[in-house]
Amino acid sequence: MYFYRSLNLKHSIMYPKKYPKSLILIHWLTLILLAVVFYIGTTLEDFEFNEQNMNRYRVHAILGVSIAILTIFRIFIRRRNLDNLPPDITYYSPAHKTFVKIVNYLLYILLIFVPLVGFVMVYQTGALSYDLGGAFPTGAEFDENLEILHKITVFSLLGLIVIHVVGVILYKIKTGDNLINRMLP
C-alpha cells in the first residue's frame, strides 16, 4: 500500500477511511487528559507547593507524564501503521502543507516537552525524595525560570490545539470533507 501512497493516488480503494482504533483511542484520551491536567494546573495556582498539597501536584504530574507517554506510543503506532492511514488531505498550496506539518510536529513535541519541563520543575525542588519515603524538603520552591517556561509551553500547546481545531473546521467549510470522521470510533 505504501507504493500507492507514493504514487499520490488520492482516491484509491486501498486507503482506509479512518485511523487505526489505537490511534483514535489515544487521540481522544489525550484530549480528555489535557483538559483535566489543564484544569488541575489552573487550580494549583491557589495552593502552595508543600507537603499538605503534594497530592494535588502529584495527580497533575502523573497525568501530565501519562500524556507524554501516550504521545510517544502514538508516534510509535503511527510509524508502524503507515500503510493503514487515511490519505493525506488535499492541501491548498505548498505553504498550507508546510503549515499543517509544522503545527502537527509542534503538537507532538509540546505534548512531550511540557510534561518534561513540569517533571524537571518538581525534581529541582527535591520533592521527589518525599515520594520515595523521605522528608519533604524545607523551603521547596519552583525555579522561576522553569515555571515561566512551563506556562509558556502550556499556552503554546493550547494555541496549537486551537489552530488544529479551527483548521479542521475551516477545511470542512472549504472542501466539505469532514476530517473528524477519520478520527471517530
Protein backbone atom coordinates (compact mmCIF):
# COMPACT_ATOMS: atom_id res chain seq x y z
CA MET A 1 0.00 0.00 0.00
CA TYR A 2 2.87 2.37 0.63
CA PHE A 3 3.64 2.13 -3.10
CA TYR A 4 0.17 3.52 -3.90
CA ARG A 5 0.66 6.29 -1.36
CA SER A 6 3.91 7.30 -3.04
CA LEU A 7 2.10 7.49 -6.38
CA ASN A 8 -0.23 10.00 -4.72
CA LEU A 9 -3.42 8.26 -5.86
CA LYS A 10 -5.87 10.36 -3.86
CA HIS A 11 -8.99 8.23 -4.08
CA SER A 12 -7.55 4.76 -4.24
CA ILE A 13 -9.68 1.98 -2.80
CA MET A 14 -6.53 0.91 -0.98
CA TYR A 15 -6.81 3.74 1.57
CA PRO A 16 -8.65 3.19 4.82
CA LYS A 17 -11.22 5.85 5.65
CA LYS A 18 -10.36 6.00 9.34
CA TYR A 19 -7.29 5.95 11.51
CA PRO A 20 -6.50 2.70 13.34
CA LYS A 21 -8.56 2.25 16.50
CA SER A 22 -5.46 2.52 18.69
CA LEU A 23 -4.65 5.98 17.29
CA ILE A 24 -8.27 7.09 17.66
CA LEU A 25 -8.29 5.98 21.30
CA ILE A 26 -5.00 7.73 22.06
CA HIS A 27 -6.16 10.92 20.31
CA TRP A 28 -9.35 11.30 22.38
CA LEU A 29 -7.79 10.04 25.62
CA THR A 30 -5.04 12.63 25.21
CA LEU A 31 -7.64 15.35 24.72
CA ILE A 32 -9.52 14.32 27.87
CA LEU A 33 -6.30 14.12 29.90
CA LEU A 34 -5.20 17.52 28.60
CA ALA A 35 -8.47 19.09 29.76
CA VAL A 36 -8.13 17.53 33.21
CA VAL A 37 -4.43 18.41 33.55
CA PHE A 38 -5.06 21.99 32.45
CA TYR A 39 -7.93 22.36 34.92
CA ILE A 40 -5.85 20.94 37.79
CA GLY A 41 -2.92 23.12 36.76
CA THR A 42 -5.03 26.27 36.92
CA THR A 43 -6.27 25.33 40.39
CA LEU A 44 -2.70 24.73 41.59
CA GLU A 45 -2.10 28.47 41.32
CA ASP A 46 -4.12 28.77 44.55
CA PHE A 47 -2.03 26.25 46.53
CA GLU A 48 1.49 26.42 47.89
CA PHE A 49 3.92 23.72 46.90
CA ASN A 50 4.20 21.93 50.23
CA GLU A 51 3.64 18.58 51.92
CA GLN A 52 -0.08 19.22 52.54
CA ASN A 53 -0.75 19.96 48.86
CA MET A 54 1.62 17.39 47.38
CA ASN A 55 -1.20 15.05 46.29
CA ARG A 56 -2.69 17.78 44.10
CA TYR A 57 0.67 18.32 42.42
CA ARG A 58 1.27 14.57 42.19
CA VAL A 59 -2.02 13.96 40.31
CA HIS A 60 -1.21 16.82 37.93
CA ALA A 61 2.27 15.41 37.32
CA ILE A 62 1.16 11.79 36.85
CA LEU A 63 -1.49 12.78 34.31
CA GLY A 64 1.00 15.07 32.53
CA VAL A 65 3.57 12.29 32.26
CA SER A 66 0.78 9.97 31.05
CA ILE A 67 0.13 12.39 28.19
CA ALA A 68 3.82 12.33 27.25
CA ILE A 69 3.86 8.51 27.32
CA LEU A 70 0.66 8.30 25.25
CA THR A 71 2.22 10.68 22.72
CA ILE A 72 5.32 8.52 22.43
CA PHE A 73 3.11 5.45 21.92
CA ARG A 74 1.08 7.40 19.36
CA ILE A 75 4.19 8.27 17.36
CA PHE A 76 5.37 4.66 17.51
CA ILE A 77 1.97 3.23 16.49
CA ARG A 78 1.60 5.77 13.69
CA ARG A 79 5.03 4.88 12.27
CA ARG A 80 4.18 1.16 12.43
CA ASN A 81 0.88 1.75 10.58
CA LEU A 82 1.96 4.00 7.70
CA ASP A 83 0.17 1.73 5.25
CA ASN A 84 -3.02 1.78 7.31
CA LEU A 85 -3.64 5.53 7.49
CA PRO A 86 -6.23 7.58 5.61
CA PRO A 87 -4.93 9.54 2.61
CA ASP A 88 -3.36 12.93 3.15
CA ILE A 89 -5.73 15.86 2.95
CA THR A 90 -5.87 17.97 -0.17
CA TYR A 91 -3.58 20.90 0.53
CA TYR A 92 -4.45 24.33 -0.86
CA SER A 93 -0.84 25.23 -1.54
CA PRO A 94 2.71 24.23 -0.60
CA ALA A 95 2.55 26.84 2.18
CA HIS A 96 -0.61 25.24 3.57
CA LYS A 97 1.03 21.81 3.54
CA THR A 98 4.10 23.19 5.35
CA PHE A 99 1.95 24.99 7.92
CA VAL A 100 -0.11 21.85 8.68
CA LYS A 101 3.03 19.74 9.05
CA ILE A 102 4.67 22.30 11.36
CA VAL A 103 1.57 22.52 13.57
CA ASN A 104 1.35 18.72 13.82
CA TYR A 105 5.04 18.31 14.64
CA LEU A 106 4.90 21.08 17.24
CA LEU A 107 1.85 19.46 18.83
CA TYR A 108 3.74 16.20 19.27
CA ILE A 109 6.86 17.98 20.53
CA LEU A 110 4.95 20.03 23.11
CA LEU A 111 2.85 17.07 24.26
CA ILE A 112 6.17 15.54 25.36
CA PHE A 113 8.11 18.69 26.28
CA VAL A 114 5.51 20.32 28.58
CA PRO A 115 5.33 17.35 31.00
CA LEU A 116 9.12 17.03 30.85
CA VAL A 117 9.53 20.65 31.98
CA GLY A 118 6.98 20.03 34.76
CA PHE A 119 8.90 16.96 35.88
CA VAL A 120 12.17 18.94 35.97
CA MET A 121 10.40 21.66 37.99
CA VAL A 122 9.42 19.15 40.68
CA TYR A 123 12.76 17.33 40.52
CA GLN A 124 14.77 20.50 41.17
CA THR A 125 12.79 21.16 44.38
CA GLY A 126 13.98 17.87 45.88
CA ALA A 127 10.36 16.80 46.48
CA LEU A 128 10.78 13.51 44.62
CA SER A 129 12.68 12.16 47.63
CA TYR A 130 9.43 12.71 49.60
CA ASP A 131 7.67 10.32 47.20
CA LEU A 132 10.35 7.75 47.94
CA GLY A 133 9.77 7.92 51.70
CA GLY A 134 11.98 10.87 52.62
CA ALA A 135 11.02 14.13 54.28
CA PHE A 136 9.52 16.95 52.27
CA PRO A 137 12.32 19.43 51.58
CA THR A 138 12.29 22.57 53.67
CA GLY A 139 11.52 25.68 51.63
CA ALA A 140 10.89 23.76 48.40
CA GLU A 141 10.07 26.22 45.63
CA PHE A 142 9.89 26.01 41.89
CA ASP A 143 12.62 27.62 39.86
CA GLU A 144 11.05 30.80 38.48
CA ASN A 145 12.54 30.33 35.01
CA LEU A 146 11.24 26.76 34.75
CA GLU A 147 7.83 27.88 35.96
CA ILE A 148 7.70 30.56 33.26
CA LEU A 149 8.89 28.07 30.63
CA HIS A 150 6.20 25.61 31.73
CA LYS A 151 3.47 28.25 31.45
CA ILE A 152 4.69 29.48 28.06
CA THR A 153 4.81 25.96 26.65
CA VAL A 154 1.38 25.09 28.11
CA PHE A 155 -0.23 28.12 26.47
CA SER A 156 1.69 27.47 23.24
CA LEU A 157 0.26 23.96 23.25
CA LEU A 158 -3.24 25.31 23.84
CA GLY A 159 -2.75 27.76 20.96
CA LEU A 160 -1.69 24.93 18.65
CA ILE A 161 -4.73 22.91 19.69
CA VAL A 162 -6.97 25.87 18.80
CA ILE A 163 -5.19 26.19 15.43
CA HIS A 164 -5.69 22.44 14.86
CA VAL A 165 -9.42 22.56 15.66
CA VAL A 166 -10.01 25.74 13.64
CA GLY A 167 -8.10 24.16 10.74
CA VAL A 168 -10.34 21.08 10.80
CA ILE A 169 -13.45 23.30 10.84
CA LEU A 170 -12.20 25.56 8.03
CA TYR A 171 -11.23 22.52 5.97
CA LYS A 172 -14.79 21.20 6.33
CA ILE A 173 -16.24 24.57 5.29
CA LYS A 174 -13.88 24.96 2.32
CA THR A 175 -13.87 21.38 0.96
CA GLY A 176 -16.91 19.71 2.50
CA ASP A 177 -14.61 16.91 3.73
CA ASN A 178 -15.34 16.09 7.37
CA LEU A 179 -11.93 15.21 8.80
CA ILE A 180 -13.45 14.45 12.20
CA ASN A 181 -14.97 11.26 10.79
CA ARG A 182 -11.47 9.91 10.24
CA MET A 183 -10.82 10.20 13.99
CA LEU A 184 -14.16 8.93 15.31
CA PRO A 185 -14.53 5.37 16.61
